[in-house]
Each structure stands twice: as structure tokens, then as C-alpha cells.
Amino acid sequence: MPSLYCNHLNPNDKLINLEGEEFHHLAHVKRITVGQKVILNNGKGLLAEGVIRQITKQNAQVDIVSQNYTPYPERSFAIAFALLKTGMTSY
């Protein structure tokens, strides 16, 4: 199920309008159609499952079915990548 960023998502929302970059990604990149399920996130731990109600040329309306709050982990973590040593390039 596709996940889309929606910074204006609030716990009390029952209907969300997606516009701009997220709408473009939903309609033209992912090619999601009416009736399909999506997950919306606000970047602050709130996840909402929704169903596409309507798609127009400028926006999409999403009915919110359920919401879930996932708090940040207590311990922070980092991911690091080791640099690879370049090898012999003679062929």
C-alpha cells in the first residue's frame, strides 16, 4: 500500500485533500485510482489509512478509515556506510 506525506494530517481528520507534489505523485507517478487504499503520514508519528474518494485535475480526496500514532523510538540510532577501497583498475 503506498505511503504519502501529508504535513497537514491531524488526529481528528476524516477527509483529506491532497494537492501539489503529493497529488502529482499519487495520480501521475503511482497512478492510484478511486477506491484504492493509501497510507498517509505527517512525519510526526501519525499514520492514517485511507481510501481515495475522488480524483480531479488539481487534487484528490481521501476518506480516512483509521489512524495510528507511532511515537519515535526512545533511543536514537544512526546508520553508517564504510567507504570501499578502490582496487586495481587495469584490465
N, C-alpha and C. Protein backbone atom coordinates (compact mmCIF):
# COMPACT_ATOMS: atom_id res chain seq x y z
N MET A 1 0.85 -1.17 0.00
CA MET A 1 0.00 0.00 0.00
C MET A 1 0.90 1.24 0.00
N PRO A 2 0.71 2.17 -0.91
CA PRO A 2 1.56 3.36 -0.99
C PRO A 2 1.41 4.26 0.23
N SER A 3 2.51 4.87 0.63
CA SER A 3 2.52 5.83 1.74
C SER A 3 2.84 7.21 1.17
N LEU A 4 2.07 8.20 1.58
CA LEU A 4 2.24 9.56 1.11
C LEU A 4 2.40 10.50 2.29
N TYR A 5 3.26 11.51 2.12
CA TYR A 5 3.47 12.52 3.16
C TYR A 5 2.36 13.56 3.08
N CYS A 6 1.79 13.86 4.22
CA CYS A 6 0.71 14.85 4.30
C CYS A 6 0.93 15.66 5.58
N ASN A 7 1.65 16.79 5.48
CA ASN A 7 2.03 17.53 6.67
C ASN A 7 0.85 18.12 7.44
N HIS A 8 -0.30 18.28 6.81
CA HIS A 8 -1.46 18.85 7.49
C HIS A 8 -2.40 17.78 8.06
N LEU A 9 -1.94 16.54 8.15
CA LEU A 9 -2.75 15.45 8.72
C LEU A 9 -2.87 15.63 10.22
N ASN A 10 -4.11 15.60 10.74
CA ASN A 10 -4.38 15.75 12.17
C ASN A 10 -5.19 14.57 12.66
N PRO A 11 -5.13 14.28 13.98
CA PRO A 11 -5.87 13.13 14.52
C PRO A 11 -7.38 13.19 14.32
N ASN A 12 -7.95 14.36 14.16
CA ASN A 12 -9.41 14.50 14.05
C ASN A 12 -9.91 14.47 12.61
N ASP A 13 -9.01 14.39 11.64
CA ASP A 13 -9.41 14.43 10.23
C ASP A 13 -10.16 13.18 9.80
N LYS A 14 -11.22 13.40 9.03
CA LYS A 14 -11.98 12.31 8.42
C LYS A 14 -11.88 12.34 6.90
N LEU A 15 -11.49 13.50 6.35
CA LEU A 15 -11.34 13.68 4.91
C LEU A 15 -10.12 14.58 4.68
N ILE A 16 -9.25 14.18 3.76
CA ILE A 16 -8.04 14.94 3.46
C ILE A 16 -8.02 15.27 1.97
N ASN A 17 -7.63 16.49 1.65
CA ASN A 17 -7.40 16.89 0.26
C ASN A 17 -5.90 16.90 0.01
N LEU A 18 -5.46 16.15 -0.98
CA LEU A 18 -4.06 16.16 -1.37
C LEU A 18 -3.90 17.04 -2.59
N GLU A 19 -2.93 17.95 -2.52
CA GLU A 19 -2.65 18.85 -3.63
C GLU A 19 -1.14 18.93 -3.84
N GLY A 20 -0.72 19.60 -4.87
CA GLY A 20 0.69 19.86 -5.10
C GLY A 20 1.49 18.61 -5.42
N GLU A 21 2.70 18.55 -4.85
CA GLU A 21 3.62 17.45 -5.16
C GLU A 21 3.05 16.08 -4.77
N GLU A 22 2.40 16.00 -3.62
CA GLU A 22 1.87 14.70 -3.20
C GLU A 22 0.73 14.24 -4.10
N PHE A 23 -0.09 15.17 -4.56
CA PHE A 23 -1.14 14.81 -5.51
C PHE A 23 -0.52 14.33 -6.81
N HIS A 24 0.49 15.05 -7.30
CA HIS A 24 1.16 14.65 -8.54
C HIS A 24 1.74 13.24 -8.40
N HIS A 25 2.39 12.97 -7.28
CA HIS A 25 2.97 11.65 -7.06
C HIS A 25 1.89 10.57 -7.01
N LEU A 26 0.78 10.85 -6.34
CA LEU A 26 -0.31 9.90 -6.22
C LEU A 26 -0.95 9.61 -7.59
N ALA A 27 -1.28 10.65 -8.33
CA ALA A 27 -2.05 10.48 -9.56
C ALA A 27 -1.20 10.15 -10.78
N HIS A 28 0.00 10.72 -10.88
CA HIS A 28 0.77 10.58 -12.12
C HIS A 28 1.95 9.63 -12.01
N VAL A 29 2.52 9.49 -10.82
CA VAL A 29 3.66 8.58 -10.65
C VAL A 29 3.17 7.20 -10.23
N LYS A 30 2.42 7.14 -9.12
CA LYS A 30 1.89 5.87 -8.63
C LYS A 30 0.65 5.42 -9.39
N ARG A 31 -0.01 6.35 -10.04
CA ARG A 31 -1.24 6.08 -10.81
C ARG A 31 -2.32 5.38 -9.98
N ILE A 32 -2.52 5.90 -8.80
CA ILE A 32 -3.54 5.38 -7.89
C ILE A 32 -4.90 5.88 -8.37
N THR A 33 -5.90 5.01 -8.28
CA THR A 33 -7.23 5.34 -8.77
C THR A 33 -8.24 5.37 -7.63
N VAL A 34 -9.44 5.83 -7.94
CA VAL A 34 -10.52 5.91 -6.95
C VAL A 34 -10.79 4.52 -6.39
N GLY A 35 -10.93 4.44 -5.08
CA GLY A 35 -11.23 3.18 -4.41
C GLY A 35 -10.01 2.47 -3.85
N GLN A 36 -8.81 2.89 -4.27
CA GLN A 36 -7.60 2.25 -3.75
C GLN A 36 -7.25 2.78 -2.37
N LYS A 37 -6.59 1.93 -1.59
CA LYS A 37 -6.16 2.30 -0.24
C LYS A 37 -4.78 2.93 -0.29
N VAL A 38 -4.57 3.91 0.61
CA VAL A 38 -3.27 4.56 0.77
C VAL A 38 -3.00 4.77 2.25
N ILE A 39 -1.74 4.97 2.58
CA ILE A 39 -1.36 5.35 3.93
C ILE A 39 -0.81 6.76 3.88
N LEU A 40 -1.29 7.62 4.77
CA LEU A 40 -0.81 8.99 4.86
C LEU A 40 0.01 9.11 6.14
N ASN A 41 1.08 9.88 6.11
CA ASN A 41 1.86 10.13 7.32
C ASN A 41 2.18 11.61 7.40
N ASN A 42 2.26 12.13 8.63
CA ASN A 42 2.54 13.55 8.79
C ASN A 42 3.98 13.82 9.22
N GLY A 43 4.82 12.80 9.26
CA GLY A 43 6.21 12.99 9.62
C GLY A 43 6.43 13.18 11.11
N LYS A 44 5.39 13.08 11.91
CA LYS A 44 5.48 13.26 13.36
C LYS A 44 4.94 12.05 14.10
N GLY A 45 4.81 10.93 13.39
CA GLY A 45 4.37 9.69 14.03
C GLY A 45 2.92 9.32 13.78
N LEU A 46 2.14 10.19 13.16
CA LEU A 46 0.73 9.89 12.89
C LEU A 46 0.61 9.23 11.52
N LEU A 47 0.04 8.04 11.49
CA LEU A 47 -0.23 7.31 10.26
C LEU A 47 -1.73 7.15 10.11
N ALA A 48 -2.23 7.35 8.91
CA ALA A 48 -3.66 7.21 8.66
C ALA A 48 -3.86 6.35 7.42
N GLU A 49 -4.75 5.38 7.53
CA GLU A 49 -5.12 4.57 6.37
C GLU A 49 -6.35 5.22 5.76
N GLY A 50 -6.33 5.36 4.44
CA GLY A 50 -7.45 6.00 3.77
C GLY A 50 -7.77 5.34 2.44
N VAL A 51 -8.91 5.73 1.90
CA VAL A 51 -9.38 5.24 0.60
C VAL A 51 -9.62 6.46 -0.28
N ILE A 52 -9.13 6.39 -1.51
CA ILE A 52 -9.31 7.51 -2.44
C ILE A 52 -10.79 7.64 -2.79
N ARG A 53 -11.35 8.80 -2.50
CA ARG A 53 -12.76 9.06 -2.78
C ARG A 53 -12.95 9.66 -4.17
N GLN A 54 -12.11 10.65 -4.50
CA GLN A 54 -12.28 11.37 -5.76
C GLN A 54 -10.92 11.91 -6.22
N ILE A 55 -10.71 11.90 -7.53
CA ILE A 55 -9.51 12.49 -8.11
C ILE A 55 -9.95 13.45 -9.21
N THR A 56 -9.49 14.71 -9.10
CA THR A 56 -9.76 15.72 -10.13
C THR A 56 -8.43 16.09 -10.78
N LYS A 57 -8.43 17.15 -11.58
CA LYS A 57 -7.19 17.57 -12.22
C LYS A 57 -6.23 18.26 -11.25
N GLN A 58 -6.74 18.80 -10.15
CA GLN A 58 -5.89 19.54 -9.21
C GLN A 58 -5.68 18.87 -7.87
N ASN A 59 -6.57 17.96 -7.46
CA ASN A 59 -6.44 17.36 -6.13
C ASN A 59 -7.09 15.99 -6.05
N ALA A 60 -6.87 15.37 -4.91
CA ALA A 60 -7.50 14.08 -4.61
C ALA A 60 -8.08 14.15 -3.21
N GLN A 61 -9.25 13.56 -3.02
CA GLN A 61 -9.86 13.49 -1.70
C GLN A 61 -9.70 12.07 -1.17
N VAL A 62 -9.28 12.00 0.09
CA VAL A 62 -9.03 10.71 0.74
C VAL A 62 -9.90 10.61 1.98
N ASP A 63 -10.74 9.56 2.04
CA ASP A 63 -11.52 9.27 3.25
C ASP A 63 -10.62 8.54 4.23
N ILE A 64 -10.51 9.06 5.46
CA ILE A 64 -9.69 8.43 6.49
C ILE A 64 -10.48 7.29 7.12
N VAL A 65 -9.91 6.08 7.09
CA VAL A 65 -10.56 4.90 7.64
C VAL A 65 -10.10 4.65 9.07
N SER A 66 -8.79 4.74 9.29
CA SER A 66 -8.25 4.53 10.64
C SER A 66 -6.97 5.33 10.80
N GLN A 67 -6.62 5.61 12.06
CA GLN A 67 -5.40 6.34 12.37
C GLN A 67 -4.63 5.62 13.46
N ASN A 68 -3.32 5.79 13.42
CA ASN A 68 -2.45 5.13 14.39
C ASN A 68 -1.29 6.06 14.67
N TYR A 69 -0.97 6.25 15.94
CA TYR A 69 0.17 7.08 16.31
C TYR A 69 1.32 6.19 16.71
N THR A 70 2.46 6.36 16.07
CA THR A 70 3.66 5.60 16.37
C THR A 70 4.71 6.57 16.87
N PRO A 71 5.01 6.58 18.17
CA PRO A 71 6.00 7.53 18.68
C PRO A 71 7.40 7.19 18.21
N TYR A 72 8.27 8.19 18.25
CA TYR A 72 9.67 7.97 17.90
C TYR A 72 10.31 7.03 18.92
N PRO A 73 11.31 6.26 18.51
CA PRO A 73 11.99 5.38 19.45
C PRO A 73 12.70 6.20 20.53
N GLU A 74 12.78 5.63 21.73
CA GLU A 74 13.44 6.33 22.84
C GLU A 74 14.92 6.52 22.57
N ARG A 75 15.55 5.53 21.98
CA ARG A 75 16.96 5.63 21.67
C ARG A 75 17.13 6.02 20.20
N SER A 76 17.97 6.99 20.01
CA SER A 76 18.24 7.37 18.62
C SER A 76 19.27 6.41 18.04
N PHE A 77 19.26 6.29 16.74
CA PHE A 77 20.21 5.41 16.08
C PHE A 77 20.69 6.07 14.81
N ALA A 78 21.82 5.59 14.34
CA ALA A 78 22.40 6.12 13.10
C ALA A 78 22.86 4.97 12.24
N ILE A 79 22.83 5.17 10.97
CA ILE A 79 23.31 4.17 10.03
C ILE A 79 24.52 4.76 9.32
N ALA A 80 25.59 3.99 9.26
CA ALA A 80 26.81 4.45 8.60
C ALA A 80 27.23 3.42 7.56
N PHE A 81 27.85 3.89 6.53
CA PHE A 81 28.36 3.02 5.47
C PHE A 81 29.87 3.19 5.38
N ALA A 82 30.57 2.08 5.31
CA ALA A 82 32.02 2.14 5.16
C ALA A 82 32.36 2.47 3.72
N LEU A 83 33.40 3.26 3.53
CA LEU A 83 33.86 3.57 2.19
C LEU A 83 34.63 2.37 1.65
N LEU A 84 34.40 2.05 0.41
CA LEU A 84 35.09 0.92 -0.21
C LEU A 84 36.46 1.35 -0.72
N LYS A 85 37.41 0.50 -0.54
CA LYS A 85 38.75 0.77 -1.03
C LYS A 85 38.76 0.50 -2.54
N THR A 86 39.30 1.46 -3.29
CA THR A 86 39.34 1.26 -4.74
C THR A 86 40.40 0.20 -5.06
N GLY A 87 40.09 -0.65 -5.98
CA GLY A 87 41.00 -1.72 -6.36
C GLY A 87 41.76 -1.39 -7.62
N MET A 88 42.45 -2.34 -8.10
CA MET A 88 43.21 -2.19 -9.36
C MET A 88 42.22 -2.01 -10.50
N THR A 89 42.45 -1.03 -11.32
CA THR A 89 41.54 -0.79 -12.44
C THR A 89 42.13 -1.20 -13.77
N SER A 90 43.25 -1.94 -13.76
CA SER A 90 43.83 -2.37 -15.04
C SER A 90 43.09 -3.61 -15.55
N TYR A 91 42.89 -3.65 -16.81
CA TYR A 91 42.13 -4.76 -17.40
C TYR A 91 43.00 -5.58 -18.29
